[in-house]
Amino acid sequence: MKLDFTGKNVLVTGGNSDVGLSLAKLVMDAGLFPVLVARNEKKRQRIADSLHGHSGKYDTTVMDFSKISSVNAFTAAMETCPDYLVDLYQSDYESMVAASDTSRVSEYMACNLTARAALIRFLSRRMLKQKFGRMIFISSVAADYPAQGQGFYAASKLAGEALYKNIGIELGRRGVTTFAIRPGYIDSGRGARFLEKRQVPWVIEKKALCETILFFLSKSAHRFNAGHVVMDGGLSSGKPE
């Protein structure tokens, strides 16, 4: 199936992640131009090392979600609004809710909710001006089925979904649409480290996730708006074995 696209430029937060790097290659193969966001210069160098040989087909930038000033500086410096946003960013804080550190929780939500809201507020307003924009949020099946210690992770994913859903509801008729994907266990990043110690059915391959993201960016999927799809092989559909 050949996919067609309305736009060309794809902003990818969490661009230095394993999924971000794999997605970048797929996006470039599709004739699109990814701009990969890294948290710092060290992460930015990882992108350059991983995408060696693709010079001129992508760009990188730095934005630290833990600092709202960094998000504001990033948006202020943006000259060309992307046609697409793929939001892969997620900071890490796992703790039992009753044993959590209040200051850590505040920092975590500032990264994953406040900074995210600031970014998509800016991008949605710019996308409105160009009368087109498509945002894909990578959530998690944990949004509905968290494990112990994932209370704040689940909360941040649900809150992120709510933000994107409302952008789609509010602006969909004016050309700016959104969608969320809830993957299960992924064979990369923190998921890969988790899977090393456990046997889990229905592991989602990184390549399959990236191909799904690309589909939801395409013209064929633009009527999928303000909703989400679960991609876990059916893991959350029945009782655990």
Protein backbone atom coordinates (compact mmCIF):
# COMPACT_ATOMS: atom_id res chain seq x y z
CA MET A 1 0.00 0.00 0.00
CA LYS A 2 1.48 3.33 -1.05
CA LEU A 3 0.93 6.07 1.51
CA ASP A 4 0.36 9.68 0.49
CA PHE A 5 0.94 12.68 2.73
CA THR A 6 -0.46 16.20 2.87
CA GLY A 7 2.63 17.76 4.40
CA LYS A 8 6.37 17.13 4.58
CA ASN A 9 7.95 18.28 7.86
CA VAL A 10 7.64 15.98 10.90
CA LEU A 11 8.63 17.17 14.37
CA VAL A 12 9.51 14.20 16.61
CA THR A 13 9.86 14.73 20.35
CA GLY A 14 11.94 12.05 22.04
CA GLY A 15 13.79 11.91 18.75
CA ASN A 16 16.90 10.32 20.28
CA SER A 17 14.94 7.29 21.53
CA ASP A 18 15.19 3.94 19.78
CA VAL A 19 11.69 4.36 18.38
CA GLY A 20 12.40 7.94 17.35
CA LEU A 21 15.50 6.94 15.42
CA SER A 22 13.75 4.04 13.70
CA LEU A 23 10.81 6.28 12.84
CA ALA A 24 13.15 8.89 11.38
CA LYS A 25 14.53 6.39 8.88
CA LEU A 26 11.05 5.27 7.88
CA VAL A 27 9.88 8.87 7.54
CA MET A 28 12.84 9.72 5.32
CA ASP A 29 12.18 6.68 3.14
CA ALA A 30 8.62 7.98 2.68
CA GLY A 31 9.96 11.29 1.37
CA LEU A 32 9.22 13.28 4.52
CA PHE A 33 11.64 15.47 6.47
CA PRO A 34 11.98 14.68 10.20
CA VAL A 35 13.16 17.19 12.79
CA LEU A 36 14.27 15.21 15.83
CA VAL A 37 14.09 16.81 19.26
CA ALA A 38 16.72 15.81 21.83
CA ARG A 39 16.83 16.76 25.48
CA ASN A 40 20.46 17.90 25.44
CA GLU A 41 23.55 18.02 23.22
CA LYS A 42 24.68 14.54 24.27
CA LYS A 43 21.34 13.08 23.13
CA ARG A 44 21.56 15.17 19.98
CA GLN A 45 24.93 13.61 19.19
CA ARG A 46 23.36 10.16 19.53
CA ILE A 47 20.98 11.10 16.73
CA ALA A 48 23.84 12.23 14.51
CA ASP A 49 25.76 9.03 15.16
CA SER A 50 22.73 6.83 14.49
CA LEU A 51 21.70 8.62 11.30
CA HIS A 52 25.18 8.85 9.83
CA GLY A 53 24.86 8.80 6.06
CA HIS A 54 21.51 10.63 5.97
CA SER A 55 22.96 14.14 5.94
CA GLY A 56 20.58 16.75 4.57
CA LYS A 57 17.53 14.50 4.93
CA TYR A 58 16.77 15.41 8.54
CA ASP A 59 17.46 18.03 11.19
CA THR A 60 17.90 18.06 14.96
CA THR A 61 17.15 20.49 17.73
CA VAL A 62 17.35 20.62 21.52
CA MET A 63 14.47 21.13 23.94
CA ASP A 64 14.41 20.15 27.60
CA PHE A 65 10.88 19.36 28.75
CA SER A 66 12.00 19.65 32.36
CA LYS A 67 12.47 23.40 31.88
CA ILE A 68 9.51 25.44 30.66
CA SER A 69 12.00 28.15 29.70
CA SER A 70 13.56 25.69 27.24
CA VAL A 71 10.15 24.94 25.71
CA ASN A 72 9.41 28.65 25.41
CA ALA A 73 12.81 29.29 23.81
CA PHE A 74 12.25 26.44 21.38
CA THR A 75 8.87 27.74 20.24
CA ALA A 76 10.12 31.32 20.02
CA ALA A 77 12.97 30.26 17.73
CA MET A 78 10.80 28.13 15.45
CA GLU A 79 10.65 29.66 11.98
CA THR A 80 8.78 26.97 10.05
CA CYS A 81 5.83 25.21 11.62
CA PRO A 82 5.88 21.43 11.15
CA ASP A 83 3.03 19.77 9.30
CA TYR A 84 3.14 16.84 11.69
CA LEU A 85 4.04 16.20 15.32
CA VAL A 86 4.90 12.76 16.65
CA ASP A 87 5.13 13.01 20.43
CA LEU A 88 7.32 10.23 21.82
CA TYR A 89 8.63 12.11 24.83
CA GLN A 90 8.26 10.58 28.30
CA SER A 91 10.34 11.15 31.40
CA ASP A 92 10.80 8.38 33.95
CA TYR A 93 9.45 8.14 37.49
CA GLU A 94 8.13 4.86 38.86
CA SER A 95 6.93 4.73 42.45
CA MET A 96 4.13 3.38 44.53
CA VAL A 97 1.69 6.27 44.92
CA ALA A 98 1.68 5.97 48.72
CA ALA A 99 5.49 6.03 48.82
CA SER A 100 6.05 8.79 46.27
CA ASP A 101 8.13 11.91 46.70
CA THR A 102 5.93 14.99 46.31
CA SER A 103 8.66 17.10 44.73
CA ARG A 104 9.47 14.35 42.22
CA VAL A 105 5.80 14.03 41.33
CA SER A 106 5.58 17.78 40.76
CA GLU A 107 8.65 17.73 38.50
CA TYR A 108 7.36 14.71 36.62
CA MET A 109 3.99 16.27 35.89
CA ALA A 110 5.62 19.55 34.93
CA CYS A 111 7.60 17.70 32.23
CA ASN A 112 4.87 15.44 30.98
CA LEU A 113 1.85 17.70 31.28
CA THR A 114 2.70 21.39 31.67
CA ALA A 115 5.54 21.45 29.13
CA ARG A 116 3.60 19.22 26.72
CA ALA A 117 0.57 21.52 26.95
CA ALA A 118 2.75 24.55 26.23
CA LEU A 119 4.26 22.90 23.15
CA ILE A 120 1.02 21.69 21.60
CA ARG A 121 -0.71 24.98 22.38
CA PHE A 122 1.93 26.76 20.33
CA LEU A 123 1.99 24.23 17.50
CA SER A 124 -1.78 24.02 17.17
CA ARG A 125 -2.07 27.78 16.80
CA ARG A 126 0.63 27.78 14.12
CA MET A 127 -0.98 24.83 12.35
CA LEU A 128 -4.27 26.70 12.28
CA LYS A 129 -2.62 29.47 10.30
CA GLN A 130 -1.43 27.02 7.65
CA LYS A 131 -4.85 25.26 7.75
CA PHE A 132 -3.34 21.84 8.30
CA GLY A 133 -1.68 19.91 11.09
CA ARG A 134 -1.59 16.34 12.34
CA MET A 135 -0.46 15.30 15.84
CA ILE A 136 0.21 11.71 16.93
CA PHE A 137 0.72 11.01 20.63
CA ILE A 138 2.41 7.79 21.70
CA SER A 139 0.59 6.82 24.87
CA SER A 140 0.62 3.37 26.50
CA VAL A 141 -1.71 0.51 27.29
CA ALA A 142 -0.77 1.35 30.89
CA ALA A 143 -3.12 4.33 30.60
CA ASP A 144 -5.91 1.85 31.35
CA TYR A 145 -3.93 -1.10 32.74
CA PRO A 146 -1.06 0.17 34.90
CA ALA A 147 1.21 -2.19 36.79
CA GLN A 148 2.29 -1.51 40.36
CA GLY A 149 4.47 1.57 40.48
CA GLN A 150 3.02 2.99 37.24
CA GLY A 151 0.41 5.26 38.78
CA PHE A 152 2.10 8.49 37.74
CA TYR A 153 3.10 7.11 34.36
CA ALA A 154 -0.52 6.11 33.71
CA ALA A 155 -1.77 9.48 34.93
CA SER A 156 0.59 11.37 32.64
CA LYS A 157 -0.40 9.25 29.64
CA LEU A 158 -4.11 9.75 30.32
CA ALA A 159 -3.57 13.49 30.78
CA GLY A 160 -1.57 13.64 27.54
CA GLU A 161 -4.33 11.81 25.71
CA ALA A 162 -6.89 14.29 27.07
CA LEU A 163 -4.88 17.24 25.78
CA TYR A 164 -4.52 15.79 22.31
CA LYS A 165 -8.13 14.61 22.21
CA ASN A 166 -9.37 18.10 22.93
CA ILE A 167 -7.13 19.64 20.30
CA GLY A 168 -8.75 17.27 17.80
CA ILE A 169 -12.25 18.08 19.05
CA GLU A 170 -11.66 21.83 19.04
CA LEU A 171 -9.70 22.19 15.81
CA GLY A 172 -10.47 19.12 13.71
CA ARG A 173 -12.96 20.93 11.47
CA ARG A 174 -10.32 23.58 10.82
CA GLY A 175 -7.69 21.13 9.60
CA VAL A 176 -5.78 20.24 12.78
CA THR A 177 -6.33 16.62 13.82
CA THR A 178 -4.91 14.35 16.50
CA PHE A 179 -4.71 10.68 17.42
CA ALA A 180 -3.12 8.55 20.13
CA ILE A 181 -1.55 5.10 19.93
CA ARG A 182 -1.40 2.90 23.03
CA PRO A 183 1.35 0.31 22.48
CA GLY A 184 1.93 -2.57 24.85
CA TYR A 185 5.38 -3.99 25.60
CA ILE A 186 7.86 -2.62 23.03
CA ASP A 187 11.18 -4.32 22.25
CA SER A 188 13.21 -1.13 22.74
CA GLY A 189 14.31 1.32 25.42
CA ARG A 190 12.90 0.70 28.89
CA GLY A 191 10.59 -1.93 27.42
CA ALA A 192 13.55 -3.99 26.22
CA ARG A 193 15.15 -3.86 29.66
CA PHE A 194 11.88 -4.98 31.23
CA LEU A 195 11.54 -7.85 28.76
CA GLU A 196 15.05 -9.12 29.49
CA LYS A 197 13.87 -10.26 32.93
CA ARG A 198 10.39 -11.51 32.03
CA GLN A 199 8.62 -13.64 29.49
CA VAL A 200 5.77 -11.60 28.04
CA PRO A 201 3.40 -12.58 25.22
CA TRP A 202 2.61 -10.24 22.36
CA VAL A 203 5.72 -8.10 22.30
CA ILE A 204 5.34 -5.16 19.91
CA GLU A 205 8.23 -4.84 17.50
CA LYS A 206 9.70 -1.37 17.16
CA LYS A 207 9.44 -1.60 13.36
CA ALA A 208 5.73 -2.43 13.53
CA LEU A 209 5.05 0.52 15.83
CA CYS A 210 6.89 2.91 13.51
CA GLU A 211 5.00 1.63 10.49
CA THR A 212 1.75 2.20 12.37
CA ILE A 213 2.76 5.74 13.25
CA LEU A 214 3.58 6.43 9.60
CA PHE A 215 0.15 5.16 8.55
CA PHE A 216 -1.59 7.47 11.01
CA LEU A 217 0.36 10.40 9.58
CA SER A 218 -0.84 9.60 6.06
CA LYS A 219 -3.86 10.94 4.20
CA SER A 220 -5.52 7.52 4.56
CA ALA A 221 -5.82 8.02 8.34
CA HIS A 222 -6.83 11.67 8.67
CA ARG A 223 -10.43 10.75 9.56
CA PHE A 224 -9.07 9.07 12.68
CA ASN A 225 -9.35 12.08 14.93
CA ALA A 226 -9.51 12.77 18.68
CA GLY A 227 -9.35 9.08 19.61
CA HIS A 228 -6.92 6.28 20.29
CA VAL A 229 -6.07 2.76 19.24
CA VAL A 230 -4.61 -0.02 21.40
CA MET A 231 -1.65 -1.85 19.88
CA ASP A 232 -0.79 -4.69 22.25
CA GLY A 233 -1.65 -7.82 20.29
CA GLY A 234 -4.75 -8.37 22.40
CA LEU A 235 -2.82 -8.54 25.68
CA SER A 236 -5.27 -6.25 27.51
CA SER A 237 -8.43 -7.69 25.94
CA GLY A 238 -8.82 -10.67 28.25
CA LYS A 239 -7.96 -11.90 31.72
CA PRO A 240 -4.25 -12.49 32.40
CA GLU A 241 -3.22 -16.13 32.10
